[in-house]
Structures are given as C-alpha cells and as structure tokens.
Amino acid sequence: MKHKDLAKEYATARLQGRLSGNEVSFSDNKVFTEEDIKAAFNAGRESVVENMPKLKWECEYPYTADEARTPITIFHIFHNDDGFHLAGYGLGLSKMFGTLDEAKRFANEDYKKRIKQALGL
C-alpha cells in the first residue's frame, strides 16, 4: 500500500498560497521548502516509532511460555531445556536465545523494525 505524501501536498499548498499573496505567513519572508516539511514529517514518524512502549508480556503458562499480542502478530517465548524459543506467528520468525531477556529484547526490536518498514522509514 502506497501512503500519501502529505508533506509534499502541504508544502505545495502553502507555497501556492504564499506566491499568490492570499496567505500571510506567521513568520515574515519565510517559506519552508518541500524538503524542509518532508524532513519534519519524517522525523515525526521516526520519533513515534522510537518512542513506542515496549511489548507487554503476559505469562500464558507459568515457567513454560510468555506471550505479547500486537496488531501484526502474537509473539510467544517458549521456555525449554535448550533455552528460550521466540516465535512470531505469520512472520516466519523462529529463533533460540540463551536468556528470556535476550528473547524479549529481540522481539521488541523486530516489532519496531516491522512498524518502520510499514511506515516507509
């Protein structure tokens, strides 16, 4: 799915308004370029992803599995003798870790990466 380039749309509309003399700028003699506005929009999108809360884990079965539900997948961490197996359903994600914290950290980073990809960042 292609997202609309709102920065370009906004910059074009603002510039046309300024050039036609129908729009007064809040700051005299300043017109932001399309690139300025696009950079600001993209920085905002990036900051939203970087400041996302970490996944919320619930213990589905004590000492056997932890689960985090998201709009794109359900992450499960299965506890076994070999370590901690992380699975992300529908993502083809299956990976072993030595500790529960490593598995959770990887799941958080994987989730952020997928959100960034969906936003085109």
C-alpha atoms as a PDB file:
ATOM      1  CA  MET A   1       0.000   0.000   0.000  1.00  0.00           C
ATOM      2  CA  LYS A   2       1.419   3.387  -1.015  1.00  0.00           C
ATOM      3  CA  HIS A   3       0.911   6.164   1.535  1.00  0.00           C
ATOM      4  CA  LYS A   4       0.090   9.728   0.512  1.00  0.00           C
ATOM      5  CA  ASP A   5       2.975  12.168   0.594  1.00  0.00           C
ATOM      6  CA  LEU A   6       1.321  14.624   2.968  1.00  0.00           C
ATOM      7  CA  ALA A   7       4.486  16.699   3.292  1.00  0.00           C
ATOM      8  CA  LYS A   8       4.578  17.342  -0.451  1.00  0.00           C
ATOM      9  CA  GLU A   9       0.852  18.122  -0.538  1.00  0.00           C
ATOM     10  CA  TYR A  10       1.158  20.557   2.362  1.00  0.00           C
ATOM     11  CA  ALA A  11       4.304  22.253   1.028  1.00  0.00           C
ATOM     12  CA  THR A  12       2.751  22.748  -2.408  1.00  0.00           C
ATOM     13  CA  ALA A  13      -0.445  24.229  -0.968  1.00  0.00           C
ATOM     14  CA  ARG A  14       1.456  26.575   1.377  1.00  0.00           C
ATOM     15  CA  LEU A  15       3.828  27.721  -1.355  1.00  0.00           C
ATOM     16  CA  GLN A  16       0.987  28.394  -3.801  1.00  0.00           C
ATOM     17  CA  GLY A  17      -0.832  30.400  -1.140  1.00  0.00           C
ATOM     18  CA  ARG A  18       2.265  32.477  -0.388  1.00  0.00           C
ATOM     19  CA  LEU A  19       3.109  33.086  -4.035  1.00  0.00           C
ATOM     20  CA  SER A  20      -0.441  34.194  -4.832  1.00  0.00           C
ATOM     21  CA  GLY A  21      -0.380  36.644  -1.921  1.00  0.00           C
ATOM     22  CA  ASN A  22      -3.527  35.113  -0.403  1.00  0.00           C
ATOM     23  CA  GLU A  23      -1.799  33.651   2.620  1.00  0.00           C
ATOM     24  CA  VAL A  24       0.081  35.506   5.329  1.00  0.00           C
ATOM     25  CA  SER A  25       2.992  33.666   6.867  1.00  0.00           C
ATOM     26  CA  PHE A  26       3.302  33.574  10.638  1.00  0.00           C
ATOM     27  CA  SER A  27       6.953  34.497  10.109  1.00  0.00           C
ATOM     28  CA  ASP A  28       7.631  37.288   7.610  1.00  0.00           C
ATOM     29  CA  ASN A  29       9.528  36.347   4.474  1.00  0.00           C
ATOM     30  CA  LYS A  30       9.807  32.656   5.363  1.00  0.00           C
ATOM     31  CA  VAL A  31       8.532  29.906   3.158  1.00  0.00           C
ATOM     32  CA  PHE A  32       9.521  26.396   4.096  1.00  0.00           C
ATOM     33  CA  THR A  33      10.602  24.243   1.203  1.00  0.00           C
ATOM     34  CA  GLU A  34       9.068  20.905   0.368  1.00  0.00           C
ATOM     35  CA  GLU A  35      12.264  19.263   1.634  1.00  0.00           C
ATOM     36  CA  ASP A  36      12.043  21.095   4.994  1.00  0.00           C
ATOM     37  CA  ILE A  37       8.469  19.982   5.542  1.00  0.00           C
ATOM     38  CA  LYS A  38       9.133  16.435   4.356  1.00  0.00           C
ATOM     39  CA  ALA A  39      12.076  16.176   6.771  1.00  0.00           C
ATOM     40  CA  ALA A  40       9.861  17.386   9.632  1.00  0.00           C
ATOM     41  CA  PHE A  41       7.077  14.902   8.802  1.00  0.00           C
ATOM     42  CA  ASN A  42       9.545  12.018   8.516  1.00  0.00           C
ATOM     43  CA  ALA A  43      11.283  12.976  11.760  1.00  0.00           C
ATOM     44  CA  GLY A  44       7.888  12.938  13.457  1.00  0.00           C
ATOM     45  CA  ARG A  45       7.064   9.480  12.120  1.00  0.00           C
ATOM     46  CA  GLU A  46      10.504   8.197  13.139  1.00  0.00           C
ATOM     47  CA  SER A  47      10.142   9.633  16.629  1.00  0.00           C
ATOM     48  CA  VAL A  48       6.768   7.928  17.121  1.00  0.00           C
ATOM     49  CA  VAL A  49       8.320   4.535  16.374  1.00  0.00           C
ATOM     50  CA  GLU A  50      11.407   5.146  18.510  1.00  0.00           C
ATOM     51  CA  ASN A  51       9.248   6.165  21.476  1.00  0.00           C
ATOM     52  CA  MET A  52       6.824   3.244  21.224  1.00  0.00           C
ATOM     53  CA  PRO A  53       6.334   1.419  24.507  1.00  0.00           C
ATOM     54  CA  LYS A  54       7.959  -1.980  24.794  1.00  0.00           C
ATOM     55  CA  LEU A  55       5.869  -5.059  24.164  1.00  0.00           C
ATOM     56  CA  LYS A  56       3.664  -6.061  27.073  1.00  0.00           C
ATOM     57  CA  TRP A  57       4.406  -9.644  28.026  1.00  0.00           C
ATOM     58  CA  GLU A  58       2.000 -11.919  29.844  1.00  0.00           C
ATOM     59  CA  CYS A  59       2.845 -15.299  31.220  1.00  0.00           C
ATOM     60  CA  GLU A  60       0.486 -17.657  29.422  1.00  0.00           C
ATOM     61  CA  TYR A  61       1.636 -20.776  31.258  1.00  0.00           C
ATOM     62  CA  PRO A  62       3.927 -20.220  34.252  1.00  0.00           C
ATOM     63  CA  TYR A  63       7.504 -21.314  33.540  1.00  0.00           C
ATOM     64  CA  THR A  64       6.655 -22.519  30.029  1.00  0.00           C
ATOM     65  CA  ALA A  65       5.622 -19.576  27.801  1.00  0.00           C
ATOM     66  CA  ASP A  66       5.383 -15.789  27.658  1.00  0.00           C
ATOM     67  CA  GLU A  67       3.141 -14.013  25.155  1.00  0.00           C
ATOM     68  CA  ALA A  68       2.920 -10.485  23.680  1.00  0.00           C
ATOM     69  CA  ARG A  69      -0.001  -9.615  21.396  1.00  0.00           C
ATOM     70  CA  THR A  70       0.383  -6.932  18.707  1.00  0.00           C
ATOM     71  CA  PRO A  71      -1.721  -5.896  15.703  1.00  0.00           C
ATOM     72  CA  ILE A  72       0.686  -7.735  13.372  1.00  0.00           C
ATOM     73  CA  THR A  73       1.488 -10.911  15.289  1.00  0.00           C
ATOM     74  CA  ILE A  74       1.482 -12.767  18.562  1.00  0.00           C
ATOM     75  CA  PHE A  75       4.981 -13.272  19.905  1.00  0.00           C
ATOM     76  CA  HIS A  76       5.490 -16.381  22.026  1.00  0.00           C
ATOM     77  CA  ILE A  77       8.571 -17.287  24.006  1.00  0.00           C
ATOM     78  CA  PHE A  78       8.639 -20.951  24.929  1.00  0.00           C
ATOM     79  CA  HIS A  79      10.871 -21.988  27.834  1.00  0.00           C
ATOM     80  CA  ASN A  80      12.665 -25.302  27.365  1.00  0.00           C
ATOM     81  CA  ASP A  81      15.869 -27.110  28.324  1.00  0.00           C
ATOM     82  CA  ASP A  82      17.755 -25.665  25.336  1.00  0.00           C
ATOM     83  CA  GLY A  83      16.913 -22.030  26.185  1.00  0.00           C
ATOM     84  CA  PHE A  84      14.135 -19.732  25.051  1.00  0.00           C
ATOM     85  CA  HIS A  85      12.430 -20.156  21.689  1.00  0.00           C
ATOM     86  CA  LEU A  86      10.866 -17.000  20.216  1.00  0.00           C
ATOM     87  CA  ALA A  87       8.124 -17.405  17.601  1.00  0.00           C
ATOM     88  CA  GLY A  88       6.243 -14.670  15.758  1.00  0.00           C
ATOM     89  CA  TYR A  89       3.162 -16.174  14.142  1.00  0.00           C
ATOM     90  CA  GLY A  90       2.650 -15.352  10.481  1.00  0.00           C
ATOM     91  CA  LEU A  91       6.097 -13.747  10.291  1.00  0.00           C
ATOM     92  CA  GLY A  92       8.257 -16.818   9.781  1.00  0.00           C
ATOM     93  CA  LEU A  93      10.095 -15.858  12.970  1.00  0.00           C
ATOM     94  CA  SER A  94      11.639 -18.707  14.929  1.00  0.00           C
ATOM     95  CA  LYS A  95      14.800 -18.118  16.940  1.00  0.00           C
ATOM     96  CA  MET A  96      16.528 -19.523  20.027  1.00  0.00           C
ATOM     97  CA  PHE A  97      18.036 -17.414  22.824  1.00  0.00           C
ATOM     98  CA  GLY A  98      20.071 -18.138  25.927  1.00  0.00           C
ATOM     99  CA  THR A  99      18.007 -15.901  28.203  1.00  0.00           C
ATOM    100  CA  LEU A 100      14.439 -14.678  28.436  1.00  0.00           C
ATOM    101  CA  ASP A 101      15.633 -11.041  28.398  1.00  0.00           C
ATOM    102  CA  GLU A 102      17.520 -11.589  25.112  1.00  0.00           C
ATOM    103  CA  ALA A 103      14.408 -13.072  23.509  1.00  0.00           C
ATOM    104  CA  LYS A 104      12.205 -10.182  24.691  1.00  0.00           C
ATOM    105  CA  ARG A 105      14.748  -7.572  23.553  1.00  0.00           C
ATOM    106  CA  PHE A 106      14.927  -9.181  20.090  1.00  0.00           C
ATOM    107  CA  ALA A 107      11.112  -9.301  19.833  1.00  0.00           C
ATOM    108  CA  ASN A 108      10.875  -5.581  20.699  1.00  0.00           C
ATOM    109  CA  GLU A 109      13.470  -4.632  18.074  1.00  0.00           C
ATOM    110  CA  ASP A 110      11.848  -6.892  15.471  1.00  0.00           C
ATOM    111  CA  TYR A 111       8.455  -5.287  16.125  1.00  0.00           C
ATOM    112  CA  LYS A 112       9.894  -1.747  15.783  1.00  0.00           C
ATOM    113  CA  LYS A 113      11.649  -2.747  12.561  1.00  0.00           C
ATOM    114  CA  ARG A 114       8.409  -4.057  11.061  1.00  0.00           C
ATOM    115  CA  ILE A 115       6.479  -0.906  12.048  1.00  0.00           C
ATOM    116  CA  LYS A 116       9.186   1.282  10.460  1.00  0.00           C
ATOM    117  CA  GLN A 117       9.032  -0.809   7.310  1.00  0.00           C
ATOM    118  CA  ALA A 118       5.237  -0.432   7.162  1.00  0.00           C
ATOM    119  CA  LEU A 119       5.593   3.361   7.539  1.00  0.00           C
ATOM    120  CA  GLY A 120       8.242   3.521   4.835  1.00  0.00           C
ATOM    121  CA  LEU A 121      11.021   4.658   7.178  1.00  0.00           C
END
